[in-house]
């Protein structure tokens, strides 16, 4: 699949409010170092958010260490 087709299938046609606000803030980024630091901050934020969400789900479902050990030995892929 060519890049343009992929982007047209995966990218939204319009930006939402949050995306527009981020673009406004990025207008003040002047060098690659700042951009790299911002990317790192966003990755850390999103990683923390996913971890908190997973922890909450695991607590609600009362998963234990034994369940994780069992999952490590299971084959979850579906055959084609």
C-alpha atoms as a PDB file:
ATOM      1  CA  UNK A   1       0.000   0.000   0.000  1.00  0.00           C
ATOM      2  CA  UNK A   2       1.447   3.333  -0.936  1.00  0.00           C
ATOM      3  CA  UNK A   3       2.003   5.999   1.691  1.00  0.00           C
ATOM      4  CA  UNK A   4      -0.609   8.449   0.383  1.00  0.00           C
ATOM      5  CA  UNK A   5      -3.337   5.786   0.310  1.00  0.00           C
ATOM      6  CA  UNK A   6      -2.362   4.606   3.799  1.00  0.00           C
ATOM      7  CA  UNK A   7      -2.531   8.134   5.174  1.00  0.00           C
ATOM      8  CA  UNK A   8      -5.887   8.804   3.544  1.00  0.00           C
ATOM      9  CA  UNK A   9      -7.286   5.633   5.118  1.00  0.00           C
ATOM     10  CA  UNK A  10      -5.839   6.225   8.581  1.00  0.00           C
ATOM     11  CA  UNK A  11      -5.809   9.990   9.059  1.00  0.00           C
ATOM     12  CA  UNK A  12      -8.965  11.871  10.002  1.00  0.00           C
ATOM     13  CA  UNK A  13     -10.153  14.383   7.430  1.00  0.00           C
ATOM     14  CA  UNK A  14     -10.590  17.120  10.043  1.00  0.00           C
ATOM     15  CA  UNK A  15      -8.777  17.873  13.267  1.00  0.00           C
ATOM     16  CA  UNK A  16     -10.579  17.817  16.598  1.00  0.00           C
ATOM     17  CA  UNK A  17     -10.317  20.545  19.239  1.00  0.00           C
ATOM     18  CA  UNK A  18      -7.482  18.804  21.119  1.00  0.00           C
ATOM     19  CA  UNK A  19      -5.419  18.339  17.974  1.00  0.00           C
ATOM     20  CA  UNK A  20      -5.887  21.990  17.042  1.00  0.00           C
ATOM     21  CA  UNK A  21      -4.777  23.126  20.502  1.00  0.00           C
ATOM     22  CA  UNK A  22      -1.633  20.985  20.274  1.00  0.00           C
ATOM     23  CA  UNK A  23      -0.834  22.453  16.871  1.00  0.00           C
ATOM     24  CA  UNK A  24      -1.202  25.971  18.282  1.00  0.00           C
ATOM     25  CA  UNK A  25       1.264  25.157  21.069  1.00  0.00           C
ATOM     26  CA  UNK A  26       3.693  23.534  18.645  1.00  0.00           C
ATOM     27  CA  UNK A  27       3.839  26.818  16.744  1.00  0.00           C
ATOM     28  CA  UNK A  28       6.289  27.975  19.434  1.00  0.00           C
ATOM     29  CA  UNK A  29       8.649  25.015  19.008  1.00  0.00           C
ATOM     30  CA  UNK A  30      11.712  26.311  17.232  1.00  0.00           C
ATOM     31  CA  UNK A  31      14.201  23.442  17.169  1.00  0.00           C
ATOM     32  CA  UNK A  32      14.437  19.659  16.969  1.00  0.00           C
ATOM     33  CA  UNK A  33      15.634  19.342  20.571  1.00  0.00           C
ATOM     34  CA  UNK A  34      12.446  20.962  21.869  1.00  0.00           C
ATOM     35  CA  UNK A  35      10.348  18.789  19.585  1.00  0.00           C
ATOM     36  CA  UNK A  36      12.127  15.674  20.829  1.00  0.00           C
ATOM     37  CA  UNK A  37      11.516  16.683  24.452  1.00  0.00           C
ATOM     38  CA  UNK A  38       7.824  17.296  23.752  1.00  0.00           C
ATOM     39  CA  UNK A  39       7.515  13.901  22.072  1.00  0.00           C
ATOM     40  CA  UNK A  40       9.115  12.280  25.122  1.00  0.00           C
ATOM     41  CA  UNK A  41       6.697  14.076  27.442  1.00  0.00           C
ATOM     42  CA  UNK A  42       3.708  12.961  25.384  1.00  0.00           C
ATOM     43  CA  UNK A  43       4.923   9.365  25.260  1.00  0.00           C
ATOM     44  CA  UNK A  44       5.464   9.360  29.031  1.00  0.00           C
ATOM     45  CA  UNK A  45       2.002  10.849  29.608  1.00  0.00           C
ATOM     46  CA  UNK A  46       0.254   8.363  27.321  1.00  0.00           C
ATOM     47  CA  UNK A  47       2.231   5.445  28.740  1.00  0.00           C
ATOM     48  CA  UNK A  48       1.232   6.439  32.268  1.00  0.00           C
ATOM     49  CA  UNK A  49      -2.398   6.785  31.189  1.00  0.00           C
ATOM     50  CA  UNK A  50      -2.426   3.298  29.648  1.00  0.00           C
ATOM     51  CA  UNK A  51      -0.764   1.819  32.745  1.00  0.00           C
ATOM     52  CA  UNK A  52      -3.322   3.450  35.065  1.00  0.00           C
ATOM     53  CA  UNK A  53      -6.162   2.217  32.873  1.00  0.00           C
ATOM     54  CA  UNK A  54      -4.767  -1.337  32.806  1.00  0.00           C
ATOM     55  CA  UNK A  55      -4.198  -1.317  36.565  1.00  0.00           C
ATOM     56  CA  UNK A  56      -7.793  -0.230  37.109  1.00  0.00           C
ATOM     57  CA  UNK A  57      -9.124  -2.978  34.815  1.00  0.00           C
ATOM     58  CA  UNK A  58      -6.933  -5.600  36.481  1.00  0.00           C
ATOM     59  CA  UNK A  59      -8.125  -4.520  39.935  1.00  0.00           C
ATOM     60  CA  UNK A  60     -11.763  -4.588  38.855  1.00  0.00           C
ATOM     61  CA  UNK A  61     -11.392  -8.075  37.342  1.00  0.00           C
ATOM     62  CA  UNK A  62      -9.255  -9.258  40.268  1.00  0.00           C
ATOM     63  CA  UNK A  63      -6.474 -10.671  38.116  1.00  0.00           C
ATOM     64  CA  UNK A  64      -3.691 -12.376  40.058  1.00  0.00           C
ATOM     65  CA  UNK A  65      -0.050 -13.205  39.394  1.00  0.00           C
ATOM     66  CA  UNK A  66      -1.133 -16.806  38.754  1.00  0.00           C
ATOM     67  CA  UNK A  67      -3.362 -15.674  35.893  1.00  0.00           C
ATOM     68  CA  UNK A  68      -0.459 -13.778  34.300  1.00  0.00           C
ATOM     69  CA  UNK A  69       1.784 -16.843  34.585  1.00  0.00           C
ATOM     70  CA  UNK A  70      -0.907 -18.920  32.887  1.00  0.00           C
ATOM     71  CA  UNK A  71      -1.280 -16.333  30.107  1.00  0.00           C
ATOM     72  CA  UNK A  72       2.480 -16.388  29.453  1.00  0.00           C
ATOM     73  CA  UNK A  73       2.151 -20.061  28.508  1.00  0.00           C
ATOM     74  CA  UNK A  74      -0.950 -19.733  26.329  1.00  0.00           C
ATOM     75  CA  UNK A  75      -1.041 -19.184  22.596  1.00  0.00           C
ATOM     76  CA  UNK A  76      -3.354 -16.248  21.821  1.00  0.00           C
ATOM     77  CA  UNK A  77      -2.819 -15.852  18.081  1.00  0.00           C
ATOM     78  CA  UNK A  78      -5.665 -16.858  15.835  1.00  0.00           C
ATOM     79  CA  UNK A  79      -4.867 -18.931  12.775  1.00  0.00           C
ATOM     80  CA  UNK A  80      -5.473 -17.305   9.432  1.00  0.00           C
END
